[in-house]
N, C-alpha and C. Protein backbone atom coordinates (compact mmCIF):
# COMPACT_ATOMS: atom_id res chain seq x y z
N MET A 1 9.90 -0.96 6.18
CA MET A 1 8.81 -1.87 5.60
C MET A 1 7.56 -1.42 6.82
N LYS A 2 7.96 -0.74 7.63
CA LYS A 2 7.31 0.32 8.53
C LYS A 2 6.69 1.29 7.68
N SER A 3 7.05 2.60 7.13
CA SER A 3 6.80 3.39 5.98
C SER A 3 6.04 3.16 5.18
N THR A 4 6.25 1.52 4.68
CA THR A 4 5.27 0.91 3.60
C THR A 4 4.32 0.77 4.15
N THR A 5 4.29 0.20 5.25
CA THR A 5 2.77 -0.06 5.43
C THR A 5 2.18 0.87 6.12
N LYS A 6 2.58 2.24 6.83
CA LYS A 6 1.84 3.12 6.97
C LYS A 6 1.20 4.05 5.51
N LEU A 7 2.14 3.99 4.58
CA LEU A 7 1.87 4.50 3.42
C LEU A 7 0.17 3.67 2.91
N ILE A 8 0.35 2.80 2.51
CA ILE A 8 -0.45 1.86 2.40
C ILE A 8 -1.69 1.87 3.08
N ALA A 9 -1.95 2.02 4.51
CA ALA A 9 -2.77 1.99 5.18
C ALA A 9 -3.66 3.33 4.90
N SER A 10 -3.23 4.38 5.44
CA SER A 10 -3.24 6.02 4.88
C SER A 10 -4.28 6.10 3.69
N ALA A 11 -3.60 5.77 2.62
CA ALA A 11 -4.32 5.49 1.50
C ALA A 11 -5.43 4.72 1.54
N LEU A 12 -5.53 3.78 1.74
CA LEU A 12 -7.14 3.11 1.92
C LEU A 12 -7.94 3.56 2.41
N THR A 13 -7.31 4.48 3.89
CA THR A 13 -8.13 4.86 4.60
C THR A 13 -8.72 6.07 4.00
N ALA A 14 -8.30 6.83 3.20
CA ALA A 14 -8.71 8.17 2.36
C ALA A 14 -9.34 7.54 1.06
N VAL A 15 -9.38 6.49 1.02
CA VAL A 15 -10.10 5.97 -0.05
C VAL A 15 -11.49 5.48 0.83
N ALA A 16 -11.34 4.94 1.83
CA ALA A 16 -12.81 4.40 2.52
C ALA A 16 -13.29 5.69 2.79
N ILE A 17 -12.59 6.60 3.64
CA ILE A 17 -13.72 7.53 3.89
C ILE A 17 -14.35 8.67 3.05
N LEU A 18 -13.74 8.45 1.74
CA LEU A 18 -14.27 9.48 0.68
C LEU A 18 -15.00 8.38 -0.12
N PHE A 19 -15.12 7.42 -0.26
CA PHE A 19 -15.94 6.65 -0.56
C PHE A 19 -17.03 6.64 0.17
N GLY A 20 -16.99 6.43 1.58
CA GLY A 20 -18.11 6.20 2.67
C GLY A 20 -19.21 7.64 2.87
N THR A 21 -18.52 8.61 2.17
CA THR A 21 -18.98 9.90 2.63
C THR A 21 -19.91 10.56 1.32
N ASN A 22 -19.80 9.70 0.13
CA ASN A 22 -20.51 10.34 -1.12
C ASN A 22 -20.03 9.38 -2.31
N VAL A 23 -21.54 8.42 -2.70
CA VAL A 23 -21.53 7.39 -2.81
C VAL A 23 -22.48 7.92 -4.33
N ASN A 24 -22.03 8.35 -5.47
CA ASN A 24 -22.57 8.79 -6.40
C ASN A 24 -22.53 7.79 -7.63
N ALA A 25 -23.18 7.96 -9.04
CA ALA A 25 -22.89 7.22 -10.09
C ALA A 25 -21.84 7.07 -10.43
N GLN A 26 -21.10 6.00 -11.26
CA GLN A 26 -19.91 5.95 -11.88
C GLN A 26 -19.35 7.83 -12.61
N THR A 27 -18.01 8.17 -12.63
CA THR A 27 -17.61 8.96 -12.78
C THR A 27 -17.63 9.05 -14.75
N THR A 28 -17.56 7.92 -15.26
CA THR A 28 -17.08 7.34 -16.88
C THR A 28 -18.63 7.73 -17.39
N GLU A 29 -18.65 8.47 -18.39
CA GLU A 29 -20.41 8.59 -19.45
C GLU A 29 -19.14 7.95 -20.99
N LYS A 30 -20.38 7.11 -21.54
CA LYS A 30 -19.84 6.44 -22.96
C LYS A 30 -19.55 7.90 -23.83
N SER A 31 -18.43 7.96 -24.41
CA SER A 31 -18.37 8.48 -25.69
C SER A 31 -17.94 10.18 -24.89
N ALA A 32 -17.02 10.40 -23.26
CA ALA A 32 -17.46 11.64 -22.74
C ALA A 32 -15.69 11.50 -22.51
N TRP A 33 -15.39 13.02 -22.75
CA TRP A 33 -13.91 13.30 -22.41
C TRP A 33 -13.65 13.66 -21.24
N ARG A 34 -12.80 13.34 -20.83
CA ARG A 34 -12.06 14.16 -19.08
C ARG A 34 -10.97 14.27 -19.23
N MET A 35 -10.31 15.61 -18.60
CA MET A 35 -9.05 15.57 -18.06
C MET A 35 -8.89 15.55 -16.54
N GLY A 36 -7.72 14.93 -16.00
CA GLY A 36 -7.42 15.14 -14.66
C GLY A 36 -6.31 15.43 -14.40
N VAL A 37 -5.99 16.43 -13.34
CA VAL A 37 -4.87 17.06 -13.14
C VAL A 37 -4.66 16.59 -11.55
N GLY A 38 -3.47 15.65 -11.61
CA GLY A 38 -3.37 15.71 -10.39
C GLY A 38 -2.04 15.24 -9.81
N ILE A 39 -1.16 14.90 -8.75
CA ILE A 39 -0.15 15.09 -7.91
C ILE A 39 -0.22 13.59 -7.08
N GLU A 40 1.35 13.16 -6.98
CA GLU A 40 1.26 12.02 -6.47
C GLU A 40 2.65 11.21 -5.63
N GLY A 41 2.40 10.81 -4.72
CA GLY A 41 3.85 10.91 -3.86
C GLY A 41 3.74 9.54 -3.62
N GLY A 42 5.18 9.02 -3.35
CA GLY A 42 5.44 7.72 -3.20
C GLY A 42 6.63 7.32 -2.47
N ILE A 43 7.03 5.90 -2.14
CA ILE A 43 8.52 5.61 -1.81
C ILE A 43 8.64 4.46 -2.28
N PRO A 44 9.89 4.16 -2.89
CA PRO A 44 10.30 3.55 -3.96
C PRO A 44 10.90 1.96 -3.22
N VAL A 45 10.18 0.81 -4.00
CA VAL A 45 10.56 0.06 -3.37
C VAL A 45 11.14 -1.04 -4.15
N GLY A 46 12.27 -2.30 -3.71
CA GLY A 46 12.31 -3.45 -4.76
C GLY A 46 14.35 -2.97 -4.95
N GLY A 47 14.64 -3.91 -5.46
CA GLY A 47 16.06 -3.84 -5.51
C GLY A 47 17.12 -3.12 -4.67
N ASN A 48 17.69 -1.90 -4.97
CA ASN A 48 18.90 -1.31 -4.24
C ASN A 48 18.16 0.04 -4.47
N ILE A 49 16.96 0.30 -4.59
CA ILE A 49 16.87 1.87 -5.09
C ILE A 49 15.65 2.12 -3.32
N SER A 50 15.46 1.34 -2.96
CA SER A 50 14.83 1.82 -1.62
C SER A 50 15.96 2.31 -0.69
N ASP A 51 17.19 1.83 -0.56
CA ASP A 51 18.68 1.86 -0.23
C ASP A 51 19.11 3.19 -0.32
N ASN A 52 19.00 3.76 -1.89
CA ASN A 52 19.65 4.84 -2.24
C ASN A 52 18.66 6.14 -2.35
N TYR A 53 16.84 5.92 -2.53
CA TYR A 53 16.13 6.92 -2.44
C TYR A 53 14.96 6.90 -1.48
N GLY A 54 14.76 7.86 -1.21
CA GLY A 54 13.85 8.19 -0.12
C GLY A 54 12.31 8.19 -0.55
N PHE A 55 12.41 8.73 -1.44
CA PHE A 55 10.20 9.26 -1.99
C PHE A 55 10.26 9.25 -3.13
N VAL A 56 9.56 9.79 -3.77
CA VAL A 56 8.84 9.85 -4.96
C VAL A 56 7.79 11.01 -4.88
N LEU A 57 8.20 12.17 -5.73
CA LEU A 57 7.16 13.31 -5.78
C LEU A 57 6.74 13.57 -7.24
N GLY A 58 5.44 13.86 -7.57
CA GLY A 58 5.32 14.23 -8.88
C GLY A 58 3.73 15.00 -9.15
N GLY A 59 3.76 15.00 -10.30
CA GLY A 59 2.41 15.39 -11.11
C GLY A 59 2.18 15.01 -12.30
N ASN A 60 0.93 14.84 -13.00
CA ASN A 60 0.61 14.15 -14.05
C ASN A 60 -0.57 14.88 -14.59
N LEU A 61 -1.00 14.73 -15.84
CA LEU A 61 -2.26 14.90 -16.41
C LEU A 61 -2.69 13.87 -16.82
N ARG A 62 -3.96 13.58 -16.97
CA ARG A 62 -4.97 12.24 -17.50
C ARG A 62 -6.11 12.71 -18.33
N LEU A 63 -5.90 12.33 -19.42
CA LEU A 63 -7.34 11.97 -20.83
C LEU A 63 -7.62 10.89 -20.31
N GLN A 64 -8.90 10.96 -20.22
CA GLN A 64 -9.81 10.03 -20.33
C GLN A 64 -11.16 9.83 -21.28
N TYR A 65 -11.50 8.78 -21.70
CA TYR A 65 -12.19 8.64 -23.15
C TYR A 65 -13.11 7.14 -22.82
N GLY A 66 -14.54 7.56 -22.13
CA GLY A 66 -15.30 6.77 -21.69
C GLY A 66 -15.98 5.91 -22.83
N ILE A 67 -15.79 4.30 -22.53
CA ILE A 67 -16.10 3.70 -23.71
C ILE A 67 -17.29 3.17 -23.48
N SER A 68 -17.50 2.45 -22.03
CA SER A 68 -18.95 2.61 -21.74
C SER A 68 -19.27 3.82 -20.58
N ASP A 69 -20.54 3.35 -19.61
CA ASP A 69 -20.56 3.93 -18.27
C ASP A 69 -19.54 3.48 -17.38
N ASN A 70 -19.44 2.22 -17.50
CA ASN A 70 -18.23 1.98 -16.19
C ASN A 70 -16.88 2.11 -16.71
N THR A 71 -16.63 1.70 -17.71
CA THR A 71 -15.23 1.99 -18.47
C THR A 71 -14.74 2.61 -19.03
N ALA A 72 -13.36 2.89 -19.04
CA ALA A 72 -12.88 4.34 -19.58
C ALA A 72 -10.75 4.06 -20.29
N LEU A 73 -10.61 4.25 -21.15
CA LEU A 73 -9.74 4.43 -21.46
C LEU A 73 -8.73 5.69 -21.23
N THR A 74 -7.31 5.66 -21.02
CA THR A 74 -6.76 6.40 -20.28
C THR A 74 -5.34 6.72 -21.12
N LEU A 75 -5.22 8.11 -21.28
CA LEU A 75 -3.40 8.55 -21.86
C LEU A 75 -3.07 9.35 -20.13
N THR A 76 -2.36 9.16 -19.57
CA THR A 76 -1.12 9.04 -18.70
C THR A 76 0.23 9.63 -18.69
N SER A 77 0.79 11.49 -18.91
CA SER A 77 1.66 11.52 -18.63
C SER A 77 2.13 12.80 -17.34
N GLY A 78 3.18 12.86 -17.39
CA GLY A 78 3.61 13.96 -16.14
C GLY A 78 5.26 13.76 -15.69
N TYR A 79 5.56 13.91 -14.41
CA TYR A 79 6.83 13.90 -13.77
C TYR A 79 6.92 13.43 -12.80
N SER A 80 7.89 12.53 -12.64
CA SER A 80 8.11 12.35 -11.12
C SER A 80 9.52 12.23 -10.44
N SER A 81 10.21 13.11 -9.68
CA SER A 81 11.19 13.26 -9.20
C SER A 81 11.59 12.00 -8.15
N PHE A 82 12.51 11.29 -8.14
CA PHE A 82 13.15 10.39 -7.23
C PHE A 82 14.39 11.06 -6.59
N PHE A 83 13.65 11.09 -5.14
CA PHE A 83 14.80 12.33 -4.59
C PHE A 83 15.99 11.08 -3.52
N GLY A 84 17.09 11.70 -3.73
CA GLY A 84 18.15 10.36 -2.87
C GLY A 84 18.21 10.86 -1.78
N LYS A 85 18.88 9.68 -1.05
CA LYS A 85 19.06 9.46 0.46
C LYS A 85 20.60 9.80 0.83
N GLU A 86 20.64 9.83 2.12
CA GLU A 86 21.87 9.90 2.51
C GLU A 86 22.68 8.85 3.17
N ARG A 87 23.47 8.37 2.88
CA ARG A 87 24.19 6.95 3.27
C ARG A 87 25.63 7.07 3.21
N GLU A 88 26.63 6.71 4.02
CA GLU A 88 27.70 6.05 4.59
C GLU A 88 28.26 5.35 3.63
N VAL A 89 29.44 5.32 3.15
CA VAL A 89 30.49 4.78 2.26
C VAL A 89 31.89 4.80 2.60
N ALA A 90 32.58 3.94 3.16
CA ALA A 90 33.57 4.09 3.28
C ALA A 90 33.96 5.40 4.60
N GLY A 91 33.01 5.45 5.58
CA GLY A 91 33.02 5.94 6.76
C GLY A 91 32.85 7.84 6.06
N VAL A 92 32.42 7.83 4.53
CA VAL A 92 32.10 9.20 3.94
C VAL A 92 30.84 9.20 4.01
N THR A 93 29.83 10.34 4.16
CA THR A 93 28.69 10.29 3.95
C THR A 93 28.26 11.04 2.80
N VAL A 94 27.80 10.33 1.98
CA VAL A 94 27.23 10.94 0.73
C VAL A 94 25.64 10.92 0.14
N LYS A 95 25.18 11.82 -0.71
CA LYS A 95 23.90 11.97 -0.94
C LYS A 95 23.71 11.51 -2.42
N ASN A 96 22.70 10.50 -2.59
CA ASN A 96 22.59 10.32 -4.32
C ASN A 96 21.97 11.45 -4.83
N ASP A 97 22.45 11.57 -6.18
CA ASP A 97 21.43 12.56 -6.87
C ASP A 97 19.79 12.40 -6.98
N ALA A 98 19.10 13.32 -7.27
CA ALA A 98 17.38 13.64 -7.40
C ALA A 98 17.89 12.34 -8.82
N PHE A 99 16.46 11.79 -9.32
CA PHE A 99 16.70 11.83 -11.38
C PHE A 99 15.13 11.62 -10.97
N GLY A 100 14.98 12.29 -12.58
CA GLY A 100 13.27 11.93 -12.58
C GLY A 100 12.85 10.66 -13.74
N VAL A 101 11.67 10.65 -14.20
CA VAL A 101 11.48 9.45 -14.83
C VAL A 101 9.97 10.46 -15.63
N VAL A 102 9.25 10.77 -17.16
CA VAL A 102 8.64 11.04 -17.91
C VAL A 102 7.64 10.25 -17.45
N PRO A 103 6.56 9.57 -17.46
CA PRO A 103 6.30 8.26 -17.71
C PRO A 103 5.14 8.38 -18.94
N VAL A 104 5.04 7.77 -19.70
CA VAL A 104 3.94 7.82 -20.93
C VAL A 104 2.81 6.64 -20.98
N LYS A 105 1.92 6.27 -20.19
CA LYS A 105 1.05 5.24 -20.31
C LYS A 105 -0.55 5.56 -21.10
N LEU A 106 -0.66 3.96 -21.37
CA LEU A 106 -2.49 3.87 -21.81
C LEU A 106 -2.75 3.01 -20.80
N GLY A 107 -4.14 3.08 -20.71
CA GLY A 107 -4.27 2.03 -19.74
C GLY A 107 -5.94 2.55 -20.01
N VAL A 108 -6.55 1.42 -18.76
CA VAL A 108 -8.07 1.01 -18.66
C VAL A 108 -8.71 1.30 -17.21
N LYS A 109 -9.87 2.23 -17.17
CA LYS A 109 -10.05 2.46 -16.03
C LYS A 109 -11.45 1.45 -15.36
N ALA A 110 -11.48 0.83 -15.13
CA ALA A 110 -13.08 0.18 -14.71
C ALA A 110 -13.69 0.04 -13.49
N PHE A 111 -14.73 0.57 -13.32
CA PHE A 111 -15.85 0.87 -12.15
C PHE A 111 -16.09 -0.67 -11.45
N PHE A 112 -15.93 -1.01 -10.73
CA PHE A 112 -16.90 -2.41 -10.30
C PHE A 112 -17.88 -2.04 -9.26
N THR A 113 -18.13 -1.09 -8.88
CA THR A 113 -19.11 -0.24 -7.65
C THR A 113 -18.83 1.31 -7.87
N ASP A 114 -20.21 1.64 -6.91
CA ASP A 114 -20.18 2.99 -7.49
C ASP A 114 -18.50 3.56 -6.64
N ASN A 115 -18.46 4.77 -7.50
CA ASN A 115 -17.11 5.14 -7.23
C ASN A 115 -16.01 4.21 -6.69
N LEU A 116 -15.62 3.13 -6.61
CA LEU A 116 -14.61 2.43 -7.17
C LEU A 116 -14.24 1.77 -8.16
N TYR A 117 -12.94 1.66 -7.95
CA TYR A 117 -12.52 1.28 -9.45
C TYR A 117 -11.36 0.38 -9.31
N PHE A 118 -11.01 0.13 -10.36
CA PHE A 118 -9.37 -0.80 -11.01
C PHE A 118 -9.29 -0.12 -11.99
N GLY A 119 -7.89 0.23 -11.94
CA GLY A 119 -6.87 0.90 -13.39
C GLY A 119 -5.68 -0.10 -13.38
N ALA A 120 -5.30 -0.10 -14.83
CA ALA A 120 -4.13 -0.81 -14.97
C ALA A 120 -3.20 0.07 -16.21
N GLU A 121 -2.31 0.20 -16.45
CA GLU A 121 -1.85 0.93 -17.54
C GLU A 121 -0.40 0.64 -17.44
N GLY A 122 -0.17 0.63 -18.44
CA GLY A 122 1.30 0.38 -19.35
C GLY A 122 1.98 0.95 -20.27
N GLY A 123 3.27 1.37 -19.88
CA GLY A 123 4.09 2.28 -20.82
C GLY A 123 5.19 1.96 -20.95
N ALA A 124 5.83 3.35 -21.18
CA ALA A 124 7.08 3.70 -21.04
C ALA A 124 7.80 4.54 -19.98
N GLY A 125 8.64 4.59 -19.71
CA GLY A 125 9.54 5.92 -18.64
C GLY A 125 10.60 6.26 -18.90
N PHE A 126 10.68 7.17 -19.09
CA PHE A 126 11.87 7.81 -19.68
C PHE A 126 12.59 8.46 -18.75
N ILE A 127 14.21 8.15 -18.72
CA ILE A 127 14.61 8.79 -17.50
C ILE A 127 15.35 9.71 -17.20
N THR A 128 15.13 11.10 -16.97
CA THR A 128 16.35 12.17 -17.13
C THR A 128 17.07 12.24 -15.67
N ASN A 129 18.38 12.54 -16.30
CA ASN A 129 19.27 13.08 -15.43
C ASN A 129 20.07 11.82 -14.37
N LYS A 130 19.90 10.43 -14.86
CA LYS A 130 20.23 9.62 -14.25
C LYS A 130 21.72 9.43 -15.02
N PRO A 131 22.85 8.89 -14.00
CA PRO A 131 24.26 8.77 -14.48
C PRO A 131 24.38 7.86 -15.50
N ASN A 132 23.56 6.82 -15.26
CA ASN A 132 24.07 5.55 -16.11
C ASN A 132 23.37 5.68 -17.38
N PRO A 133 24.02 6.25 -18.72
CA PRO A 133 23.49 6.26 -19.96
C PRO A 133 23.00 5.44 -20.64
N GLY A 134 23.39 4.16 -20.11
CA GLY A 134 22.52 2.87 -20.96
C GLY A 134 21.23 2.39 -20.16
N ASP A 135 20.48 3.20 -19.16
CA ASP A 135 19.70 3.10 -18.71
C ASP A 135 18.85 4.19 -18.79
N ARG A 136 18.19 4.50 -19.77
CA ARG A 136 17.58 5.52 -19.95
C ARG A 136 15.89 4.95 -20.34
N THR A 137 15.25 3.94 -20.55
CA THR A 137 13.84 3.73 -20.85
C THR A 137 13.57 2.50 -19.93
N LYS A 138 11.95 2.52 -19.08
CA LYS A 138 12.08 1.46 -18.87
C LYS A 138 10.14 1.24 -19.29
N LEU A 139 10.25 -0.09 -18.96
CA LEU A 139 8.60 -0.58 -19.53
C LEU A 139 8.15 -0.37 -17.69
N ILE A 140 7.21 0.44 -17.79
CA ILE A 140 6.10 0.33 -16.65
C ILE A 140 4.46 0.05 -16.69
N LEU A 141 4.73 -0.69 -15.68
CA LEU A 141 3.25 -1.43 -15.24
C LEU A 141 2.47 -1.00 -13.96
N THR A 142 1.24 -0.38 -14.24
CA THR A 142 0.70 0.36 -13.02
C THR A 142 -0.59 -0.26 -12.52
N PRO A 143 -0.59 -1.03 -11.85
CA PRO A 143 -2.06 -1.37 -11.00
C PRO A 143 -2.79 -0.31 -10.05
N THR A 144 -3.96 -0.24 -10.08
CA THR A 144 -4.49 0.95 -9.19
C THR A 144 -5.80 0.35 -8.68
N LEU A 145 -5.50 0.86 -7.50
CA LEU A 145 -7.24 0.62 -6.69
C LEU A 145 -7.93 2.00 -6.45
N GLY A 146 -8.94 2.35 -6.73
CA GLY A 146 -9.07 4.14 -6.67
C GLY A 146 -10.61 4.20 -6.39
N TRP A 147 -10.61 5.43 -5.93
CA TRP A 147 -12.00 6.05 -5.72
C TRP A 147 -12.09 7.35 -6.58
N ALA A 148 -12.62 7.44 -7.34
CA ALA A 148 -13.35 8.83 -8.26
C ALA A 148 -15.14 8.87 -7.71
N ASP A 149 -15.33 10.60 -8.32
CA ASP A 149 -16.58 10.84 -8.67
C ASP A 149 -16.15 11.88 -9.50
N GLN A 150 -17.40 12.91 -9.42
CA GLN A 150 -17.10 13.58 -10.98
C GLN A 150 -16.11 14.62 -10.86
N SER A 151 -15.93 14.96 -9.84
CA SER A 151 -14.60 15.68 -9.57
C SER A 151 -13.05 15.55 -8.80
N TRP A 152 -13.51 14.66 -8.40
CA TRP A 152 -12.01 14.12 -7.59
C TRP A 152 -11.72 12.81 -7.82
N ASP A 153 -10.41 12.21 -7.85
CA ASP A 153 -9.67 10.57 -8.24
C ASP A 153 -8.70 10.61 -7.37
N VAL A 154 -9.00 9.38 -6.10
CA VAL A 154 -7.97 9.13 -5.22
C VAL A 154 -7.52 7.99 -5.69
N GLY A 155 -6.26 7.32 -6.00
CA GLY A 155 -5.88 6.19 -6.25
C GLY A 155 -4.50 5.47 -5.55
N VAL A 156 -4.35 4.57 -4.99
CA VAL A 156 -3.42 3.60 -4.38
C VAL A 156 -2.88 2.98 -5.76
N LYS A 157 -1.69 3.18 -5.37
CA LYS A 157 -0.99 2.47 -7.24
C LYS A 157 0.51 1.60 -6.90
N TYR A 158 0.58 1.23 -7.59
CA TYR A 158 2.02 0.40 -7.78
C TYR A 158 2.50 0.64 -8.70
N ASP A 159 4.01 1.35 -9.11
CA ASP A 159 4.71 1.56 -10.67
C ASP A 159 5.51 0.49 -10.49
N ASN A 160 5.66 -0.47 -11.54
CA ASN A 160 6.87 -1.16 -12.31
C ASN A 160 7.59 -0.98 -13.10
N TYR A 161 9.06 -0.44 -13.00
CA TYR A 161 9.60 0.02 -13.66
C TYR A 161 10.95 -1.15 -13.78
N SER A 162 10.82 -1.62 -15.19
CA SER A 162 11.58 -2.81 -15.35
C SER A 162 12.34 -2.69 -17.25
N GLY A 163 13.32 -3.34 -16.96
CA GLY A 163 14.23 -3.07 -18.05
C GLY A 163 15.73 -2.31 -18.21
N GLN A 164 16.36 -3.17 -18.76
CA GLN A 164 17.84 -2.86 -19.23
C GLN A 164 18.56 -2.89 -17.95
N GLY A 165 18.45 -3.63 -17.19
CA GLY A 165 19.36 -4.53 -16.08
C GLY A 165 18.98 -3.93 -14.96
N SER A 166 18.03 -3.60 -14.57
CA SER A 166 17.80 -3.09 -13.15
C SER A 166 16.29 -2.61 -12.99
N ASN A 167 15.62 -3.35 -12.11
CA ASN A 167 14.12 -3.35 -11.98
C ASN A 167 13.57 -2.82 -10.45
N PHE A 168 12.72 -2.58 -10.57
CA PHE A 168 12.46 -1.51 -9.41
C PHE A 168 10.67 -0.92 -9.16
N GLY A 169 10.16 -0.44 -8.31
CA GLY A 169 9.27 -0.04 -8.17
C GLY A 169 8.68 0.98 -7.00
N THR A 170 7.64 1.57 -7.18
CA THR A 170 6.96 2.74 -5.97
C THR A 170 5.68 2.59 -5.90
N ILE A 171 5.46 2.43 -4.92
CA ILE A 171 4.19 2.28 -3.84
C ILE A 171 3.51 3.61 -3.74
N GLY A 172 2.57 4.17 -4.15
CA GLY A 172 1.98 5.69 -3.97
C GLY A 172 0.84 5.85 -3.81
N LEU A 173 0.09 7.16 -3.59
CA LEU A 173 -1.13 7.58 -4.01
C LEU A 173 -1.22 8.80 -4.81
N ARG A 174 -1.69 9.11 -5.53
CA ARG A 174 -2.30 10.00 -6.59
C ARG A 174 -4.09 10.61 -6.29
N VAL A 175 -3.50 11.47 -5.98
CA VAL A 175 -5.23 12.55 -5.76
C VAL A 175 -4.72 13.27 -6.73
N ALA A 176 -6.39 13.27 -7.70
CA ALA A 176 -6.23 14.35 -8.74
C ALA A 176 -7.66 14.90 -8.62
N TYR A 177 -7.64 16.07 -9.44
CA TYR A 177 -9.23 16.57 -9.88
C TYR A 177 -9.32 16.71 -11.24
N GLY A 178 -10.51 16.22 -11.43
CA GLY A 178 -11.02 16.04 -13.09
C GLY A 178 -11.95 16.83 -13.13
N PHE A 179 -12.12 16.97 -14.74
CA PHE A 179 -13.35 18.01 -14.82
C PHE A 179 -13.32 17.39 -16.59
N GLY A 180 -14.90 17.54 -16.98
CA GLY A 180 -15.15 17.30 -18.55
C GLY A 180 -14.42 18.09 -19.31
N LEU A 181 -14.11 17.58 -20.84
CA LEU A 181 -13.98 18.55 -21.98
C LEU A 181 -15.03 18.65 -22.63
């Protein structure tokens, strides 16, 4: 739990620093299209995933369409890799193989003050190279609290993966560079 607390504290500190140093108007413009290219990292939580996997690293693209000056619709996809941990089983050290997830999520991003937003996304996660063939698709629900300006977007998020017999989550940080289309 200490690493979870440190990750959350670090992410919130980064958002606070960015917010405190640059306060501009919202980054959403009605009828405007934007694209964001992001990297994200996090730690698995819940179920037995945190016992078997140490961290998650991925990249994504987010297409954003402004429906008002404070609200945008989003479409996000990319790839995240779950890296296995070493553990001891019956006196033998084994390492879990990594597996990947390709998320496809629709969502909304709503600014509640200059530069600060709440995001909510939902969609499907398609699991790649996992040994259990019956556990290939997960429902993903992702709330996010973030900071964005005209170029940068930093968000602290929780991904909840559920369905097909196993449920787990990740707590992470997404950093993205965005531009208008």
